[in-house]
Structure formats: structure tokens, C-alpha cells
């Protein structure tokens, strides 16, 4: 009787041990499957065209975090766009997802960044902190958010010899798929652009942009390879604020043709028109007469008010006020 009882206990213990080993094996297999999915999502993020026109490299790729987190680490990230002649390199990348939510990925990317184009433009950038998160779905990426603190960038053109310095205290970029459309919201606070050889007298600037691109949801993950060419959209709001009530707001529908030229019918609203004119004359003193004429004209259209609202019409890059006062030409993208 005692021998039979001991044999039964041994079988139960063996079954329990086998169950635990099987559960660990299944969990481990699931962890590595999820890690592989994380790898594919991250690589698709840095190489959105699926390795055709754009290739991405995660140097010294390493998985960490087992058993409760899934982490992918790279010592360096390289991206090459052979079609457009653009190459870029970045610092180390750290990405992670919780086992219970493998489709929600958070990432940190270190500076410096170096971007070079076949047209002679080189950009060097550094930042204090860059964090990003994305929510993946069965096919592609549903939404992303990126926050950058302490951004400093320098762009140099080997063709013109011009150097432009840009910095921003805080930058946020939010993208999401809205059915077939793409919603984008971008904001920058405490930013400044300095063009070498030009006076820098404008105060630091804060901007925000809220826009929808019709039928362009695939741009978030690279499945839409046409980009902005042939795109239409709605600019819900673009605001430039230099403080003390001096703001410019632009809204309205727009489109890009297959050659990259912009067309649109916008509403431009300017607060504190006179102060904007004074600031512009300090930056471009050689254009003071033209700026004065434009300011007087806009003020006349507004009945002498410092708050001006006019129609801004762009026809294949040719910008005019109300369709008849020329402002200049906007080059294609």
C-alpha cells in the first residue's frame, strides 16, 4: 500500500515537473516570437520601404529583457535611401515592449545624427533626449509619438556654401492613421533659426502644425511610397508665435501635383501686423520699402486694424494675396 502511494506521488510530481518545463518552453518560444516581431517592427520603422529603396541597419543587434520585457538594442543605426541619394547615421537605439503588450513599443535614440544628400546638403544634429513610442497593428503602424528635448542642428550646403543653424527647446511629433487618412500634429517651442551672414534679431519662435493628408495613412509605415506627390489635405492650423500677441495663423485646403508644386486656398490671419513688419525690416533692412508697402496694403484691407485676415492663394507654387497681389514663388518639394 505504501509502495503504491509513493509510486502515485512520483507520477504526480513527474507530471507537475513536466508541465512546468512545458510552460516555460512555450513561454520562451512566445518570448522569442515576440522579440522577432519587435525586430521586424523596429527595422520597418528605420527602413520603411521594406528594404527596396530604403535600407536600414541595426549595428550590434542584441535582445534583452527576458522574461518580462522584450528589448532590442543597437549600438548604431544607419539608413540609406538609394533612390533619393540620402544617407543617415544615428547613435545607439534602445527599444522595449512589455510581454503582455508587444505591439506597444517605446524607443530611445541617442545623438549625434549625420544626414547627407547627393545634392550637397549635410545636416549634423544633437539632442539631450529623444524618446518615441509606436503602436503596431497586424499590418504596419497605427500611430507614433516622438518627443525631442534640446535639439541643435546645423545644415551646410556645399553648393551655395550657406550654413543654417537651428535649435529648439522642445519638439513633439504625433502621427496616426485615421482610416485611410494620415493625421499629423507637430509643435516646437523656444526655437530659433540662424542663417550665417544674416542678422538675427527676431525673438525665439514657437510653432504648431495640425494637418490631415487624405488617403495617406500608409506614409506612417512606408507602405505609401508616393509620399506627398499627388497628395491632397487640410491644414487645420499652422501657427507661428513670437510672443507678446504676435501670431500668424494659416488654415485651408491644399494639394501637391505630381511634380511637387503646392496649390491651395488658405486663410492667413496676422495679429499685431505693425510689430511683424518692424521685425521683418530689422532682419531684411534692404527690403524695408517693400515691407512698408505690404504692411500698409494689408492694413488697408483690414480697415486700419492691427489684426489682418486675408486670403492667400497658391497656384502651382505661385503665391498671391486674394489671387491678384503677388507674393513670390514656392519651389516644388
Protein backbone atom coordinates (compact mmCIF):
# COMPACT_ATOMS: atom_id res chain seq x y z
CA UNK A 1 0.00 0.00 0.00
CA UNK A 2 2.79 2.41 0.93
CA UNK A 3 4.72 1.47 -2.22
CA UNK A 4 1.65 2.12 -4.40
CA UNK A 5 1.08 5.51 -2.75
CA UNK A 6 4.72 6.50 -3.29
CA UNK A 7 4.54 5.47 -6.96
CA UNK A 8 1.41 7.62 -7.46
CA UNK A 9 3.12 10.62 -5.83
CA UNK A 10 6.16 10.20 -8.05
CA UNK A 11 3.94 10.19 -11.15
CA UNK A 12 2.14 13.35 -10.00
CA UNK A 13 5.45 15.04 -9.26
CA UNK A 14 6.77 13.99 -12.68
CA UNK A 15 3.64 15.31 -14.41
CA UNK A 16 3.86 18.58 -12.50
CA UNK A 17 7.53 18.98 -13.35
CA UNK A 18 6.87 18.17 -17.00
CA UNK A 19 4.02 20.72 -17.06
CA UNK A 20 6.28 23.41 -15.62
CA UNK A 21 9.02 22.65 -18.14
CA UNK A 22 6.47 22.68 -20.97
CA UNK A 23 5.01 26.00 -19.79
CA UNK A 24 8.49 27.54 -19.61
CA UNK A 25 9.30 26.21 -23.08
CA UNK A 26 6.06 27.60 -24.54
CA UNK A 27 6.59 30.97 -22.81
CA UNK A 28 10.20 31.14 -24.00
CA UNK A 29 9.11 30.31 -27.54
CA UNK A 30 6.47 33.03 -27.33
CA UNK A 31 9.04 35.50 -25.99
CA UNK A 32 11.40 34.88 -28.90
CA UNK A 33 8.50 35.06 -31.35
CA UNK A 34 7.51 38.43 -29.86
CA UNK A 35 11.16 39.51 -29.97
CA UNK A 36 11.27 38.63 -33.66
CA UNK A 37 8.10 40.69 -34.22
CA UNK A 38 9.71 43.59 -32.36
CA UNK A 39 12.78 43.27 -34.55
CA UNK A 40 10.65 43.41 -37.73
CA UNK A 41 8.70 46.43 -36.47
CA UNK A 42 11.81 48.37 -35.50
CA UNK A 43 13.57 47.55 -38.76
CA UNK A 44 10.47 48.58 -40.68
CA UNK A 45 10.46 51.86 -38.78
CA UNK A 46 14.03 52.69 -39.76
CA UNK A 47 13.63 51.13 -43.23
CA UNK A 48 10.01 51.91 -44.20
CA UNK A 49 10.22 50.80 -47.82
CA UNK A 50 10.86 47.22 -46.79
CA UNK A 51 14.47 47.17 -47.91
CA UNK A 52 13.74 48.17 -51.53
CA UNK A 53 14.61 51.83 -51.93
CA UNK A 54 15.46 52.43 -48.26
CA UNK A 55 17.68 50.08 -46.28
CA UNK A 56 18.24 50.23 -42.54
CA UNK A 57 20.95 48.67 -40.41
CA UNK A 58 20.84 47.99 -36.67
CA UNK A 59 24.51 47.53 -35.72
CA UNK A 60 25.35 45.02 -32.94
CA UNK A 61 21.69 43.98 -32.56
CA UNK A 62 21.00 42.45 -29.16
CA UNK A 63 17.83 41.20 -27.44
CA UNK A 64 17.39 41.78 -23.71
CA UNK A 65 14.72 41.77 -21.02
CA UNK A 66 13.75 38.09 -20.75
CA UNK A 67 11.45 37.03 -19.18
CA UNK A 68 9.14 40.01 -18.52
CA UNK A 69 10.19 42.57 -21.13
CA UNK A 70 11.30 42.41 -24.75
CA UNK A 71 14.16 44.75 -25.58
CA UNK A 72 16.06 45.36 -28.79
CA UNK A 73 19.34 47.28 -28.61
CA UNK A 74 21.60 48.64 -31.37
CA UNK A 75 24.94 50.40 -30.93
CA UNK A 76 24.28 52.46 -34.07
CA UNK A 77 21.57 52.94 -36.69
CA UNK A 78 22.31 53.52 -40.39
CA UNK A 79 19.73 54.37 -43.06
CA UNK A 80 20.34 54.64 -46.81
CA UNK A 81 17.84 55.91 -49.40
CA UNK A 82 19.38 54.97 -52.73
CA UNK A 83 16.55 56.44 -54.80
CA UNK A 84 16.80 59.96 -53.39
CA UNK A 85 20.51 59.84 -52.63
CA UNK A 86 20.15 60.30 -48.87
CA UNK A 87 22.17 58.55 -46.17
CA UNK A 88 21.90 58.97 -42.41
CA UNK A 89 23.50 57.61 -39.27
CA UNK A 90 22.40 57.88 -35.66
CA UNK A 91 23.67 56.87 -32.23
CA UNK A 92 22.55 53.90 -30.16
CA UNK A 93 18.94 52.74 -30.17
CA UNK A 94 17.09 51.16 -27.24
CA UNK A 95 13.61 49.76 -27.75
CA UNK A 96 11.37 47.74 -25.47
CA UNK A 97 7.87 46.30 -25.17
CA UNK A 98 6.06 44.57 -22.34
CA UNK A 99 5.33 40.88 -22.84
CA UNK A 100 1.61 41.49 -22.29
CA UNK A 101 1.55 44.35 -24.87
CA UNK A 102 4.16 43.54 -27.53
CA UNK A 103 2.54 45.90 -30.06
CA UNK A 104 3.26 48.98 -27.89
CA UNK A 105 6.94 49.79 -28.37
CA UNK A 106 8.93 52.56 -26.73
CA UNK A 107 12.30 53.67 -28.07
CA UNK A 108 15.18 55.96 -27.18
CA UNK A 109 17.64 57.19 -29.80
CA UNK A 110 20.96 58.82 -28.95
CA UNK A 111 22.67 61.57 -30.89
CA UNK A 112 24.62 62.55 -32.88
CA UNK A 113 22.86 62.29 -36.22
CA UNK A 114 24.51 62.85 -39.59
CA UNK A 115 22.45 63.21 -42.77
CA UNK A 116 23.92 63.70 -46.24
CA UNK A 117 22.28 64.11 -49.64
CA UNK A 118 23.50 63.70 -53.18
CA UNK A 119 22.71 67.40 -53.74
CA UNK A 120 25.48 68.54 -51.41
CA UNK A 121 23.43 69.14 -48.25
CA UNK A 122 24.78 67.83 -44.96
CA UNK A 123 22.99 68.05 -41.60
CA UNK A 124 24.53 67.38 -38.20
CA UNK A 125 22.20 67.22 -35.21
CA UNK A 126 22.41 66.54 -31.50
CA UNK A 127 19.84 66.44 -28.71
CA UNK A 128 19.58 65.96 -24.99
CA UNK A 129 16.79 63.40 -25.15
CA UNK A 130 14.79 61.70 -27.90
CA UNK A 131 12.00 59.33 -26.95
CA UNK A 132 9.46 57.72 -29.23
CA UNK A 133 6.58 55.30 -28.93
CA UNK A 134 4.57 53.45 -31.53
CA UNK A 135 1.58 51.18 -31.58
CA UNK A 136 1.81 48.49 -34.22
CA UNK A 137 -1.10 46.62 -35.76
CA UNK A 138 -1.36 43.44 -37.81
CA UNK A 139 0.00 45.22 -40.88
CA UNK A 140 2.06 48.34 -40.30
CA UNK A 141 1.99 51.04 -37.64
CA UNK A 142 -1.19 52.59 -36.24
CA UNK A 143 0.30 55.65 -34.50
CA UNK A 144 3.59 57.13 -33.34
CA UNK A 145 4.70 59.88 -30.97
CA UNK A 146 8.17 61.43 -30.72
CA UNK A 147 9.47 63.94 -28.17
CA UNK A 148 12.83 65.70 -28.57
CA UNK A 149 14.42 67.95 -25.96
CA UNK A 150 17.35 70.26 -26.57
CA UNK A 151 17.60 69.81 -30.33
CA UNK A 152 20.52 71.54 -32.08
CA UNK A 153 21.15 71.14 -35.79
CA UNK A 154 23.46 72.61 -38.42
CA UNK A 155 22.81 72.37 -42.17
CA UNK A 156 25.58 73.13 -44.66
CA UNK A 157 25.24 73.33 -48.43
CA UNK A 158 28.40 72.52 -50.35
CA UNK A 159 26.78 74.05 -53.45
CA UNK A 160 25.98 77.52 -52.06
CA UNK A 161 28.32 77.46 -49.07
CA UNK A 162 25.40 78.58 -46.88
CA UNK A 163 25.21 77.44 -43.25
CA UNK A 164 21.97 77.36 -41.25
CA UNK A 165 21.80 76.69 -37.51
CA UNK A 166 18.57 75.58 -35.87
CA UNK A 167 17.70 74.80 -32.27
CA UNK A 168 14.52 74.09 -30.33
CA UNK A 169 13.92 73.62 -26.65
CA UNK A 170 11.12 71.10 -27.07
CA UNK A 171 9.71 69.33 -30.14
CA UNK A 172 6.79 66.91 -30.44
CA UNK A 173 5.68 64.92 -33.48
CA UNK A 174 2.46 62.88 -33.41
CA UNK A 175 1.25 60.75 -36.35
CA UNK A 176 -1.76 58.47 -36.56
CA UNK A 177 -3.75 56.54 -39.12
CA UNK A 178 -7.32 57.85 -39.35
CA UNK A 179 -8.94 55.19 -41.51
CA UNK A 180 -7.30 55.86 -44.91
CA UNK A 181 -6.02 59.31 -43.92
CA UNK A 182 -2.94 60.43 -42.02
CA UNK A 183 -3.27 62.93 -39.15
CA UNK A 184 -0.14 64.82 -38.11
CA UNK A 185 0.46 67.25 -35.25
CA UNK A 186 3.87 68.90 -34.83
CA UNK A 187 4.87 71.51 -32.29
CA UNK A 188 8.10 73.31 -31.41
CA UNK A 189 8.71 75.67 -28.51
CA UNK A 190 11.59 78.06 -27.94
CA UNK A 191 13.08 77.57 -31.40
CA UNK A 192 15.40 79.73 -33.46
CA UNK A 193 16.90 79.63 -36.95
CA UNK A 194 20.14 81.49 -37.66
CA UNK A 195 21.36 81.88 -41.26
CA UNK A 196 25.07 82.58 -41.33
CA UNK A 197 25.77 86.09 -42.55
CA UNK A 198 22.24 87.30 -41.84
CA UNK A 199 21.23 89.43 -38.83
CA UNK A 200 19.44 87.54 -36.07
CA UNK A 201 17.05 89.94 -34.41
CA UNK A 202 13.76 88.02 -34.40
CA UNK A 203 12.75 86.65 -31.00
CA UNK A 204 12.65 82.92 -30.47
CA UNK A 205 9.67 81.25 -32.05
CA UNK A 206 7.03 78.72 -31.05
CA UNK A 207 5.07 76.91 -33.75
CA UNK A 208 2.47 74.20 -34.09
CA UNK A 209 1.05 72.40 -37.10
CA UNK A 210 -2.15 70.33 -37.34
CA UNK A 211 -2.78 68.72 -40.73
CA UNK A 212 -4.57 65.79 -42.41
CA UNK A 213 -3.33 64.11 -45.60
CA UNK A 214 -6.17 62.40 -47.46
CA UNK A 215 -5.57 58.75 -48.31
CA UNK A 216 -2.01 58.86 -46.99
CA UNK A 217 -2.26 56.62 -43.91
CA UNK A 218 0.45 54.41 -45.39
CA UNK A 219 3.06 57.15 -45.08
CA UNK A 220 3.37 56.36 -41.36
CA UNK A 221 4.97 52.97 -42.07
CA UNK A 222 6.26 53.43 -45.62
CA UNK A 223 3.60 51.36 -47.38
CA UNK A 224 2.66 54.53 -49.31
CA UNK A 225 5.76 55.12 -51.41
CA UNK A 226 4.49 58.12 -53.39
CA UNK A 227 4.85 60.47 -50.41
CA UNK A 228 3.44 63.97 -50.87
CA UNK A 229 3.41 63.82 -54.68
CA UNK A 230 -0.21 63.96 -55.81
CA UNK A 231 -1.44 64.35 -52.21
CA UNK A 232 -4.34 66.47 -51.02
CA UNK A 233 -5.04 67.58 -47.49
CA UNK A 234 -6.49 70.00 -45.00
CA UNK A 235 -4.34 72.37 -42.98
CA UNK A 236 -6.44 72.73 -39.86
CA UNK A 237 -3.98 75.12 -38.28
CA UNK A 238 -0.40 76.32 -38.62
CA UNK A 239 0.61 78.91 -36.02
CA UNK A 240 3.80 80.94 -35.62
CA UNK A 241 4.07 82.81 -32.30
CA UNK A 242 6.93 85.21 -31.44
CA UNK A 243 5.38 86.39 -28.19
CA UNK A 244 3.54 89.49 -26.98
CA UNK A 245 0.50 88.61 -29.04
CA UNK A 246 2.39 88.50 -32.34
CA UNK A 247 0.99 85.46 -34.12
CA UNK A 248 0.40 84.24 -37.65
CA UNK A 249 -2.21 81.55 -38.33
CA UNK A 250 -2.73 79.71 -41.61
CA UNK A 251 -5.64 77.35 -42.40
CA UNK A 252 -7.18 75.82 -45.51
CA UNK A 253 -7.17 73.01 -48.09
CA UNK A 254 -4.10 72.26 -50.22
CA UNK A 255 -2.67 69.81 -52.70
CA UNK A 256 0.63 68.83 -54.34
CA UNK A 257 0.75 67.87 -58.00
CA UNK A 258 2.85 65.07 -59.44
CA UNK A 259 5.76 67.50 -59.91
CA UNK A 260 5.67 68.55 -56.25
CA UNK A 261 4.17 72.03 -56.71
CA UNK A 262 1.89 73.31 -53.97
CA UNK A 263 -1.61 74.68 -54.63
CA UNK A 264 -4.08 75.82 -52.01
CA UNK A 265 -6.61 78.34 -50.78
CA UNK A 266 -5.61 79.49 -47.31
CA UNK A 267 -6.86 81.96 -44.77
CA UNK A 268 -3.96 83.94 -43.28
CA UNK A 269 -4.56 85.78 -40.02
CA UNK A 270 -1.93 88.11 -38.56
CA UNK A 271 -2.07 89.60 -35.08
CA UNK A 272 -0.01 92.76 -34.38
CA UNK A 273 0.72 93.43 -38.05
CA UNK A 274 2.86 96.51 -37.37
CA UNK A 275 5.14 94.61 -34.99
CA UNK A 276 5.63 91.83 -37.55
CA UNK A 277 6.56 94.46 -40.13
CA UNK A 278 9.09 96.10 -37.80
CA UNK A 279 10.70 92.75 -37.03
CA UNK A 280 10.88 91.89 -40.73
CA UNK A 281 12.59 95.21 -41.54
CA UNK A 282 15.23 94.57 -38.87
CA UNK A 283 16.03 91.22 -40.45
CA UNK A 284 15.83 92.46 -44.06
CA UNK A 285 16.67 96.18 -43.98
CA UNK A 286 17.23 96.21 -47.75
CA UNK A 287 13.56 95.25 -48.20
CA UNK A 288 12.20 97.95 -45.87
CA UNK A 289 10.32 99.89 -48.62
CA UNK A 290 8.68 96.70 -49.88
CA UNK A 291 7.77 95.60 -46.36
CA UNK A 292 6.28 99.04 -45.60
CA UNK A 293 4.19 98.91 -48.77
CA UNK A 294 2.96 95.41 -48.00
CA UNK A 295 2.13 96.36 -44.40
CA UNK A 296 0.15 99.42 -45.50
CA UNK A 297 -1.73 97.39 -48.09
CA UNK A 298 -2.65 94.67 -45.62
CA UNK A 299 -3.68 97.22 -43.01
CA UNK A 300 -5.88 98.94 -45.61
CA UNK A 301 -7.54 95.62 -46.40
CA UNK A 302 -8.16 95.22 -42.65
CA UNK A 303 -9.66 98.73 -42.30
CA UNK A 304 -6.67 100.01 -40.34
CA UNK A 305 -6.73 97.22 -37.76
CA UNK A 306 -3.64 95.50 -36.35
CA UNK A 307 -5.50 92.21 -36.85
CA UNK A 308 -5.44 91.23 -40.51
CA UNK A 309 -7.26 88.34 -42.19
CA UNK A 310 -6.64 87.79 -45.91
CA UNK A 311 -7.00 85.03 -48.48
CA UNK A 312 -3.69 83.50 -49.51
CA UNK A 313 -3.92 81.69 -52.85
CA UNK A 314 -1.18 79.39 -54.12
CA UNK A 315 -1.38 78.11 -57.68
CA UNK A 316 1.37 75.62 -58.55
CA UNK A 317 3.77 77.45 -56.27
CA UNK A 318 2.76 80.99 -57.26
CA UNK A 319 1.55 82.73 -54.09
CA UNK A 320 -0.75 85.74 -54.16
CA UNK A 321 -2.99 87.68 -51.77
CA UNK A 322 -6.61 87.24 -52.83
CA UNK A 323 -5.39 85.93 -56.18
CA UNK A 324 -4.01 89.22 -57.54
CA UNK A 325 -1.28 90.67 -55.26
CA UNK A 326 1.90 88.64 -55.97
CA UNK A 327 4.00 87.41 -53.04
CA UNK A 328 6.52 85.15 -54.77
CA UNK A 329 7.05 81.57 -55.85
CA UNK A 330 7.29 78.45 -53.68
CA UNK A 331 9.67 75.83 -55.10
CA UNK A 332 8.46 72.23 -55.55
CA UNK A 333 9.11 69.68 -52.82
